[in-house]
Amino acid sequence: MTEQPESPDGAPSVAPHGHDPRRGRRRQAWRDAHARMRSGLDSRPRLRLLYKVGVGVLGGLVVVVGLILVPLPGPGWLVVFLGVALLGTEFPAAHRITQWVRRLVRRARLRWRAWRVARSARRATAARPAATPTR
């Protein structure tokens, strides 16, 4: 078990919002392993082709399943976008679509937050009693 670093007053320091300092190391280890795997694939053209075909088939299957799920209750569009993201790991056109969807989602999230802040401010001013006395 790793020991927690301590603050100057002797209390164990806790990172904000449950941030785990090991997370960055794990992410870097994952990226390094992925880079080694990709370089191994790039050195073997037939294996690279087989991998690309496999990603294409699996990604296409996920997209088709997502499209089937669209009219049904559940996460149909989410599954479609996950399939496109999977295809985007090998195909540039799918990667561009994934980036476009990510930008749309980010903009929508920012608008949602701005709307909530504005609504909260409106409610706070509406709830405050008037400063002028009424007769």
Protein backbone atom coordinates (compact mmCIF):
# COMPACT_ATOMS: atom_id res chain seq x y z
CA MET A 1 0.00 0.00 0.00
CA THR A 2 1.30 3.44 -0.88
CA GLU A 3 1.76 5.99 1.83
CA GLN A 4 -0.19 9.24 1.62
CA PRO A 5 1.89 12.43 1.42
CA GLU A 6 1.40 14.75 4.35
CA SER A 7 0.71 18.46 4.43
CA PRO A 8 2.95 20.80 6.48
CA ASP A 9 0.65 20.49 9.50
CA GLY A 10 1.05 16.70 9.53
CA ALA A 11 -2.40 15.81 8.21
CA PRO A 12 -2.60 13.56 5.16
CA SER A 13 -3.18 15.63 2.06
CA VAL A 14 -6.27 14.82 0.06
CA ALA A 15 -6.48 15.84 -3.56
CA PRO A 16 -9.64 17.71 -4.60
CA HIS A 17 -12.54 15.77 -6.03
CA GLY A 18 -10.98 12.37 -5.37
CA HIS A 19 -8.11 12.83 -7.84
CA ASP A 20 -5.83 9.82 -7.78
CA PRO A 21 -2.19 10.74 -8.53
CA ARG A 22 -1.61 7.21 -9.84
CA ARG A 23 -4.17 7.80 -12.58
CA GLY A 24 -1.69 9.76 -14.69
CA ARG A 25 0.90 7.00 -14.41
CA ARG A 26 -1.65 4.35 -15.36
CA ARG A 27 -2.78 6.41 -18.36
CA GLN A 28 0.84 6.85 -19.48
CA ALA A 29 1.49 3.12 -19.06
CA TRP A 30 -1.61 2.41 -21.18
CA ARG A 31 -0.41 4.82 -23.87
CA ASP A 32 3.06 3.25 -23.88
CA ALA A 33 1.61 -0.26 -24.22
CA HIS A 34 -0.67 0.93 -27.01
CA ALA A 35 2.26 2.56 -28.84
CA ARG A 36 4.27 -0.68 -28.59
CA MET A 37 1.32 -2.67 -29.94
CA ARG A 38 0.83 -0.23 -32.83
CA SER A 39 4.52 -0.29 -33.76
CA GLY A 40 4.39 -4.09 -33.73
CA LEU A 41 1.39 -3.98 -36.07
CA ASP A 42 3.05 -1.48 -38.38
CA SER A 43 6.05 -3.75 -38.81
CA ARG A 44 3.82 -6.61 -40.02
CA PRO A 45 1.69 -5.55 -43.02
CA ARG A 46 -0.55 -8.64 -43.09
CA LEU A 47 -1.29 -8.43 -39.39
CA ARG A 48 -1.95 -4.70 -39.81
CA LEU A 49 -4.46 -5.42 -42.58
CA LEU A 50 -6.13 -8.12 -40.48
CA TYR A 51 -6.35 -5.72 -37.52
CA LYS A 52 -7.84 -2.97 -39.71
CA VAL A 53 -10.43 -5.37 -41.16
CA GLY A 54 -11.27 -6.59 -37.65
CA VAL A 55 -11.76 -3.04 -36.37
CA GLY A 56 -13.89 -2.24 -39.43
CA VAL A 57 -16.12 -5.27 -38.97
CA LEU A 58 -16.49 -4.80 -35.21
CA GLY A 59 -17.09 -1.05 -35.52
CA GLY A 60 -19.60 -1.58 -38.33
CA LEU A 61 -21.41 -4.20 -36.25
CA VAL A 62 -21.63 -1.82 -33.27
CA VAL A 63 -22.99 0.95 -35.53
CA VAL A 64 -25.62 -1.40 -37.00
CA VAL A 65 -26.68 -2.60 -33.55
CA GLY A 66 -26.92 1.05 -32.44
CA LEU A 67 -29.08 1.93 -35.44
CA ILE A 68 -31.36 -0.99 -34.63
CA LEU A 69 -31.62 0.31 -31.05
CA VAL A 70 -32.44 3.90 -32.08
CA PRO A 71 -36.26 3.46 -32.25
CA LEU A 72 -36.23 1.28 -29.13
CA PRO A 73 -35.95 2.69 -25.62
CA GLY A 74 -32.33 2.78 -24.60
CA PRO A 75 -29.01 4.27 -25.63
CA GLY A 76 -29.28 3.77 -29.40
CA TRP A 77 -27.48 6.92 -30.54
CA LEU A 78 -24.83 6.47 -27.87
CA VAL A 79 -24.08 3.00 -29.24
CA VAL A 80 -23.92 4.41 -32.79
CA PHE A 81 -21.43 7.08 -31.74
CA LEU A 82 -19.36 4.51 -29.84
CA GLY A 83 -19.21 2.41 -33.01
CA VAL A 84 -18.13 5.43 -35.05
CA ALA A 85 -15.47 6.21 -32.42
CA LEU A 86 -14.24 2.63 -32.69
CA LEU A 87 -14.06 3.00 -36.46
CA GLY A 88 -12.25 6.30 -35.95
CA THR A 89 -9.27 4.50 -34.45
CA GLU A 90 -8.42 3.22 -37.94
CA PHE A 91 -10.32 5.32 -40.49
CA PRO A 92 -9.77 9.11 -40.81
CA ALA A 93 -13.32 9.91 -41.99
CA ALA A 94 -14.83 8.25 -38.92
CA HIS A 95 -12.30 10.06 -36.73
CA ARG A 96 -13.42 13.41 -38.17
CA ILE A 97 -17.06 12.51 -37.42
CA THR A 98 -16.10 11.59 -33.86
CA GLN A 99 -14.30 14.92 -33.38
CA TRP A 100 -17.31 16.80 -34.77
CA VAL A 101 -19.67 15.02 -32.36
CA ARG A 102 -17.34 15.72 -29.45
CA ARG A 103 -17.34 19.44 -30.31
CA LEU A 104 -21.15 19.43 -30.49
CA VAL A 105 -21.45 17.72 -27.12
CA ARG A 106 -18.95 20.11 -25.54
CA ARG A 107 -20.82 23.16 -26.86
CA ALA A 108 -24.14 21.74 -25.66
CA ARG A 109 -22.68 21.08 -22.21
CA LEU A 110 -21.32 24.64 -21.98
CA ARG A 111 -24.67 26.10 -23.05
CA TRP A 112 -26.45 23.93 -20.47
CA ARG A 113 -24.14 25.16 -17.72
CA ALA A 114 -24.58 28.81 -18.77
CA TRP A 115 -28.35 28.37 -18.81
CA ARG A 116 -28.30 26.85 -15.32
CA VAL A 117 -26.16 29.68 -13.96
CA ALA A 118 -28.42 32.30 -15.54
CA ARG A 119 -31.54 30.55 -14.21
CA SER A 120 -30.03 30.40 -10.74
CA ALA A 121 -29.19 34.11 -10.89
CA ARG A 122 -32.73 34.96 -12.05
CA ARG A 123 -34.24 32.93 -9.23
CA ALA A 124 -31.95 34.56 -6.67
CA THR A 125 -32.95 38.07 -7.77
CA ALA A 126 -36.64 37.15 -7.96
CA ALA A 127 -36.60 35.63 -4.47
CA ARG A 128 -35.05 38.74 -2.88
CA PRO A 129 -37.65 41.08 -1.36
CA ALA A 130 -37.92 44.52 -2.87
CA ALA A 131 -35.83 47.23 -1.20
CA THR A 132 -38.57 49.86 -1.44
CA PRO A 133 -41.37 49.64 1.11
CA THR A 134 -44.87 49.00 -0.21
CA ARG A 135 -47.97 50.72 1.12
